[in-house]
Amino acid sequence: MFGRLGAPEILVILAVVLLLFGAKRLPEMARSFGQSLRILKSETKAMRQGDADESHTDGQATTSALQQAHDDRPTAPQASEADNAHQR
């Protein structure tokens, strides 16, 4: 049902889009859509490269990186008894 879009169906869809958004807004929307696709493509490529790099390294390097990130995490300051009494 939805797999066979011919020329008449595509023209009707384009006419509806033109009526909904207007001729002035369409180029801006197309530009925005193109930028979004480029960003998605570059992020997907970076993720694939990251996965390939990660699969070539041994598990110990990954574990040490995770441990370092955990150690660098800021800790919450401990409240003193004077601060707790002041808040009551």
C-alpha atoms as a PDB file:
ATOM      1  CA  MET A   1       0.000   0.000   0.000  1.00  0.00           C
ATOM      2  CA  PHE A   2       2.662   2.542   1.016  1.00  0.00           C
ATOM      3  CA  GLY A   3       5.501   1.014  -0.984  1.00  0.00           C
ATOM      4  CA  ARG A   4       4.350   2.214  -4.385  1.00  0.00           C
ATOM      5  CA  LEU A   5       4.488   5.976  -4.615  1.00  0.00           C
ATOM      6  CA  GLY A   6       4.257   7.155  -8.193  1.00  0.00           C
ATOM      7  CA  ALA A   7       4.644  10.574  -9.736  1.00  0.00           C
ATOM      8  CA  PRO A   8       1.022  11.674  -9.104  1.00  0.00           C
ATOM      9  CA  GLU A   9       1.232  10.790  -5.404  1.00  0.00           C
ATOM     10  CA  ILE A  10       4.529  12.622  -4.971  1.00  0.00           C
ATOM     11  CA  LEU A  11       3.110  15.711  -6.715  1.00  0.00           C
ATOM     12  CA  VAL A  12       0.088  15.718  -4.403  1.00  0.00           C
ATOM     13  CA  ILE A  13       2.364  15.433  -1.348  1.00  0.00           C
ATOM     14  CA  LEU A  14       4.545  18.297  -2.600  1.00  0.00           C
ATOM     15  CA  ALA A  15       1.469  20.458  -3.261  1.00  0.00           C
ATOM     16  CA  VAL A  16       0.180  19.846   0.273  1.00  0.00           C
ATOM     17  CA  VAL A  17       3.589  20.703   1.758  1.00  0.00           C
ATOM     18  CA  LEU A  18       3.712  23.875  -0.333  1.00  0.00           C
ATOM     19  CA  LEU A  19       0.258  24.899   0.865  1.00  0.00           C
ATOM     20  CA  LEU A  20       1.053  24.178   4.487  1.00  0.00           C
ATOM     21  CA  PHE A  21       4.428  25.893   4.749  1.00  0.00           C
ATOM     22  CA  GLY A  22       4.481  28.423   1.904  1.00  0.00           C
ATOM     23  CA  ALA A  23       7.005  29.032  -0.830  1.00  0.00           C
ATOM     24  CA  LYS A  24       9.203  31.343   1.268  1.00  0.00           C
ATOM     25  CA  ARG A  25       9.684  28.827   4.060  1.00  0.00           C
ATOM     26  CA  LEU A  26      10.543  25.770   1.909  1.00  0.00           C
ATOM     27  CA  PRO A  27      14.164  26.712   1.027  1.00  0.00           C
ATOM     28  CA  GLU A  28      14.906  27.421   4.694  1.00  0.00           C
ATOM     29  CA  MET A  29      13.439  24.052   5.707  1.00  0.00           C
ATOM     30  CA  ALA A  30      15.427  22.250   3.003  1.00  0.00           C
ATOM     31  CA  ARG A  31      18.638  23.942   4.155  1.00  0.00           C
ATOM     32  CA  SER A  32      17.964  22.982   7.759  1.00  0.00           C
ATOM     33  CA  PHE A  33      17.195  19.401   6.740  1.00  0.00           C
ATOM     34  CA  GLY A  34      20.454  19.209   4.770  1.00  0.00           C
ATOM     35  CA  GLN A  35      22.479  20.486   7.722  1.00  0.00           C
ATOM     36  CA  SER A  36      20.826  17.950   9.998  1.00  0.00           C
ATOM     37  CA  LEU A  37      21.688  15.131   7.597  1.00  0.00           C
ATOM     38  CA  ARG A  38      25.322  16.278   7.415  1.00  0.00           C
ATOM     39  CA  ILE A  39      25.590  16.376  11.211  1.00  0.00           C
ATOM     40  CA  LEU A  40      23.992  12.946  11.492  1.00  0.00           C
ATOM     41  CA  LYS A  41      26.366  11.541   8.880  1.00  0.00           C
ATOM     42  CA  SER A  42      29.467  12.970  10.585  1.00  0.00           C
ATOM     43  CA  GLU A  43      28.361  11.750  14.027  1.00  0.00           C
ATOM     44  CA  THR A  44      27.621   8.278  12.647  1.00  0.00           C
ATOM     45  CA  LYS A  45      31.048   8.191  11.009  1.00  0.00           C
ATOM     46  CA  ALA A  46      32.715   9.265  14.273  1.00  0.00           C
ATOM     47  CA  MET A  47      30.850   6.568  16.204  1.00  0.00           C
ATOM     48  CA  ARG A  48      31.906   3.907  13.697  1.00  0.00           C
ATOM     49  CA  GLN A  49      35.532   5.027  13.916  1.00  0.00           C
ATOM     50  CA  GLY A  50      35.311   5.044  17.706  1.00  0.00           C
ATOM     51  CA  ASP A  51      33.904   1.519  17.697  1.00  0.00           C
ATOM     52  CA  ALA A  52      36.638   0.339  15.335  1.00  0.00           C
ATOM     53  CA  ASP A  53      39.350   1.947  17.479  1.00  0.00           C
ATOM     54  CA  GLU A  54      37.842   0.482  20.619  1.00  0.00           C
ATOM     55  CA  SER A  55      37.728  -3.018  19.172  1.00  0.00           C
ATOM     56  CA  HIS A  56      41.458  -2.834  18.328  1.00  0.00           C
ATOM     57  CA  THR A  57      42.517  -1.861  21.836  1.00  0.00           C
ATOM     58  CA  ASP A  58      42.605  -4.372  24.640  1.00  0.00           C
ATOM     59  CA  GLY A  59      40.041  -4.347  27.427  1.00  0.00           C
ATOM     60  CA  GLN A  60      42.552  -3.164  30.026  1.00  0.00           C
ATOM     61  CA  ALA A  61      42.965   0.232  28.354  1.00  0.00           C
ATOM     62  CA  THR A  62      39.211   0.713  28.379  1.00  0.00           C
ATOM     63  CA  THR A  63      39.018  -0.303  32.026  1.00  0.00           C
ATOM     64  CA  SER A  64      41.777   2.117  33.001  1.00  0.00           C
ATOM     65  CA  ALA A  65      40.053   4.957  31.123  1.00  0.00           C
ATOM     66  CA  LEU A  66      36.795   4.249  32.931  1.00  0.00           C
ATOM     67  CA  GLN A  67      38.600   4.127  36.274  1.00  0.00           C
ATOM     68  CA  GLN A  68      40.291   7.458  35.574  1.00  0.00           C
ATOM     69  CA  ALA A  69      36.952   9.054  34.646  1.00  0.00           C
ATOM     70  CA  HIS A  70      35.474   7.726  37.867  1.00  0.00           C
ATOM     71  CA  ASP A  71      38.395   9.090  39.907  1.00  0.00           C
ATOM     72  CA  ASP A  72      38.128  12.531  38.265  1.00  0.00           C
ATOM     73  CA  ARG A  73      34.452  12.840  39.197  1.00  0.00           C
ATOM     74  CA  PRO A  74      33.861  15.673  41.700  1.00  0.00           C
ATOM     75  CA  THR A  75      32.596  14.645  45.097  1.00  0.00           C
ATOM     76  CA  ALA A  76      29.903  16.411  47.082  1.00  0.00           C
ATOM     77  CA  PRO A  77      31.189  18.454  50.048  1.00  0.00           C
ATOM     78  CA  GLN A  78      30.446  16.990  53.455  1.00  0.00           C
ATOM     79  CA  ALA A  79      28.160  19.120  55.620  1.00  0.00           C
ATOM     80  CA  SER A  80      29.424  19.835  59.103  1.00  0.00           C
ATOM     81  CA  GLU A  81      27.287  19.552  62.225  1.00  0.00           C
ATOM     82  CA  ALA A  82      27.234  23.351  62.497  1.00  0.00           C
ATOM     83  CA  ASP A  83      25.757  23.612  59.003  1.00  0.00           C
ATOM     84  CA  ASN A  84      23.121  21.012  59.826  1.00  0.00           C
ATOM     85  CA  ALA A  85      22.161  22.858  63.046  1.00  0.00           C
ATOM     86  CA  HIS A  86      21.938  26.132  61.110  1.00  0.00           C
ATOM     87  CA  GLN A  87      19.563  24.604  58.541  1.00  0.00           C
ATOM     88  CA  ARG A  88      17.132  23.397  61.237  1.00  0.00           C
END
